[in-house]
Amino acid sequence: MLKIRLSRLGRKKRPFYRVIVTNNLNSRDGKFIEKIGFFDPLKSKKSGIQLNIKRLNHWINFGAKVSKRVSYIIKRNISKDINEK
């Protein structure tokens, strides 16, 4: 089963996350199918997240399940940007 989830990068006490599409059996930082964005929790909401919405929708339509944390990030940050435009 495919999952859209976060993969941790950065260094100690300075996290940086990639939003990736992967098989749910792969490890958190293991191999992935596609990188569809990033999330930097230490930056502001606008500059701290970037997602390719087209690819996100493509993978969701393909059957990928979104993790709880990624869905929270999408609802909190991306939906506000879409409503403002």
C-alpha atoms as a PDB file:
ATOM      1  CA  MET A   1       0.000   0.000   0.000  1.00  0.00           C
ATOM      2  CA  LEU A   2       1.272   3.486  -0.844  1.00  0.00           C
ATOM      3  CA  LYS A   3       1.630   6.175   1.830  1.00  0.00           C
ATOM      4  CA  ILE A   4       2.221   9.911   1.667  1.00  0.00           C
ATOM      5  CA  ARG A   5       4.290  10.725   4.727  1.00  0.00           C
ATOM      6  CA  LEU A   6       7.206  12.719   6.115  1.00  0.00           C
ATOM      7  CA  SER A   7      10.862  11.751   5.888  1.00  0.00           C
ATOM      8  CA  ARG A   8      13.179  13.485   8.363  1.00  0.00           C
ATOM      9  CA  LEU A   9      16.271  15.346   7.256  1.00  0.00           C
ATOM     10  CA  GLY A  10      18.345  18.066   8.880  1.00  0.00           C
ATOM     11  CA  ARG A  11      20.519  17.764  11.920  1.00  0.00           C
ATOM     12  CA  LYS A  12      20.002  17.391  15.646  1.00  0.00           C
ATOM     13  CA  LYS A  13      17.443  19.910  16.987  1.00  0.00           C
ATOM     14  CA  ARG A  14      17.031  21.399  13.460  1.00  0.00           C
ATOM     15  CA  PRO A  15      14.443  19.170  11.759  1.00  0.00           C
ATOM     16  CA  PHE A  16      13.548  19.438   8.088  1.00  0.00           C
ATOM     17  CA  TYR A  17      11.059  17.089   6.453  1.00  0.00           C
ATOM     18  CA  ARG A  18      10.400  15.881   2.931  1.00  0.00           C
ATOM     19  CA  VAL A  19       6.857  14.946   1.929  1.00  0.00           C
ATOM     20  CA  ILE A  20       7.291  11.674   0.061  1.00  0.00           C
ATOM     21  CA  VAL A  21       5.296   8.886  -1.553  1.00  0.00           C
ATOM     22  CA  THR A  22       6.523   5.466  -0.461  1.00  0.00           C
ATOM     23  CA  ASN A  23       5.485   1.904   0.167  1.00  0.00           C
ATOM     24  CA  ASN A  24       4.263   1.567   3.758  1.00  0.00           C
ATOM     25  CA  LEU A  25       6.734  -1.284   4.378  1.00  0.00           C
ATOM     26  CA  ASN A  26       9.769   0.948   3.735  1.00  0.00           C
ATOM     27  CA  SER A  27      11.484   2.639   6.670  1.00  0.00           C
ATOM     28  CA  ARG A  28      10.874   6.305   7.464  1.00  0.00           C
ATOM     29  CA  ASP A  29      14.068   7.513   5.813  1.00  0.00           C
ATOM     30  CA  GLY A  30      14.358   4.640   3.340  1.00  0.00           C
ATOM     31  CA  LYS A  31      13.745   4.593  -0.376  1.00  0.00           C
ATOM     32  CA  PHE A  32      10.769   6.425  -1.800  1.00  0.00           C
ATOM     33  CA  ILE A  33       8.893   6.675  -5.087  1.00  0.00           C
ATOM     34  CA  GLU A  34       8.581  10.447  -5.401  1.00  0.00           C
ATOM     35  CA  LYS A  35       9.303  13.595  -3.416  1.00  0.00           C
ATOM     36  CA  ILE A  36       6.276  15.895  -3.647  1.00  0.00           C
ATOM     37  CA  GLY A  37       7.302  18.680  -1.287  1.00  0.00           C
ATOM     38  CA  PHE A  38       8.975  19.737   1.932  1.00  0.00           C
ATOM     39  CA  PHE A  39       8.096  21.043   5.389  1.00  0.00           C
ATOM     40  CA  ASP A  40      10.347  23.186   7.582  1.00  0.00           C
ATOM     41  CA  PRO A  41       8.730  23.573  11.033  1.00  0.00           C
ATOM     42  CA  LEU A  42      11.220  26.262  12.100  1.00  0.00           C
ATOM     43  CA  LYS A  43      10.225  28.736   9.359  1.00  0.00           C
ATOM     44  CA  SER A  44       7.031  30.726   8.992  1.00  0.00           C
ATOM     45  CA  LYS A  45       3.913  29.039   7.641  1.00  0.00           C
ATOM     46  CA  LYS A  46       4.202  30.580   4.160  1.00  0.00           C
ATOM     47  CA  SER A  47       7.864  29.832   3.469  1.00  0.00           C
ATOM     48  CA  GLY A  48       8.102  26.703   5.605  1.00  0.00           C
ATOM     49  CA  ILE A  49       5.998  24.436   3.416  1.00  0.00           C
ATOM     50  CA  GLN A  50       5.888  23.669  -0.265  1.00  0.00           C
ATOM     51  CA  LEU A  51       3.769  20.970  -1.881  1.00  0.00           C
ATOM     52  CA  ASN A  52       3.139  20.000  -5.479  1.00  0.00           C
ATOM     53  CA  ILE A  53      -0.672  19.898  -5.317  1.00  0.00           C
ATOM     54  CA  LYS A  54      -1.018  18.273  -8.757  1.00  0.00           C
ATOM     55  CA  ARG A  55       1.195  15.358  -7.772  1.00  0.00           C
ATOM     56  CA  LEU A  56      -0.459  15.100  -4.349  1.00  0.00           C
ATOM     57  CA  ASN A  57      -3.878  14.756  -5.980  1.00  0.00           C
ATOM     58  CA  HIS A  58      -2.467  12.307  -8.539  1.00  0.00           C
ATOM     59  CA  TRP A  59      -1.155   9.966  -5.833  1.00  0.00           C
ATOM     60  CA  ILE A  60      -4.334  10.248  -3.748  1.00  0.00           C
ATOM     61  CA  ASN A  61      -6.400   9.323  -6.821  1.00  0.00           C
ATOM     62  CA  PHE A  62      -3.952   6.468  -7.458  1.00  0.00           C
ATOM     63  CA  GLY A  63      -4.821   5.059  -4.007  1.00  0.00           C
ATOM     64  CA  ALA A  64      -2.130   6.426  -1.699  1.00  0.00           C
ATOM     65  CA  LYS A  65      -3.130   7.011   1.922  1.00  0.00           C
ATOM     66  CA  VAL A  66      -2.101  10.276   3.581  1.00  0.00           C
ATOM     67  CA  SER A  67      -0.546  10.074   7.052  1.00  0.00           C
ATOM     68  CA  LYS A  68      -2.147  11.949   9.946  1.00  0.00           C
ATOM     69  CA  ARG A  69       0.671  14.495  10.209  1.00  0.00           C
ATOM     70  CA  VAL A  70       0.693  15.279   6.476  1.00  0.00           C
ATOM     71  CA  SER A  71      -3.088  15.683   6.399  1.00  0.00           C
ATOM     72  CA  TYR A  72      -2.833  18.062   9.375  1.00  0.00           C
ATOM     73  CA  ILE A  73      -0.162  20.110   7.573  1.00  0.00           C
ATOM     74  CA  ILE A  74      -2.261  20.242   4.403  1.00  0.00           C
ATOM     75  CA  LYS A  75      -5.414  21.319   6.236  1.00  0.00           C
ATOM     76  CA  ARG A  76      -3.641  23.913   8.327  1.00  0.00           C
ATOM     77  CA  ASN A  77      -1.423  25.532   5.699  1.00  0.00           C
ATOM     78  CA  ILE A  78      -2.450  24.722   2.152  1.00  0.00           C
ATOM     79  CA  SER A  79      -6.219  25.145   2.446  1.00  0.00           C
ATOM     80  CA  LYS A  80      -5.736  28.716   3.748  1.00  0.00           C
ATOM     81  CA  ASP A  81      -3.568  29.571   0.728  1.00  0.00           C
ATOM     82  CA  ILE A  82      -6.147  28.163  -1.698  1.00  0.00           C
ATOM     83  CA  ASN A  83      -8.945  30.180  -0.063  1.00  0.00           C
ATOM     84  CA  GLU A  84      -6.901  33.395  -0.255  1.00  0.00           C
ATOM     85  CA  LYS A  85      -6.326  33.068  -4.021  1.00  0.00           C
END
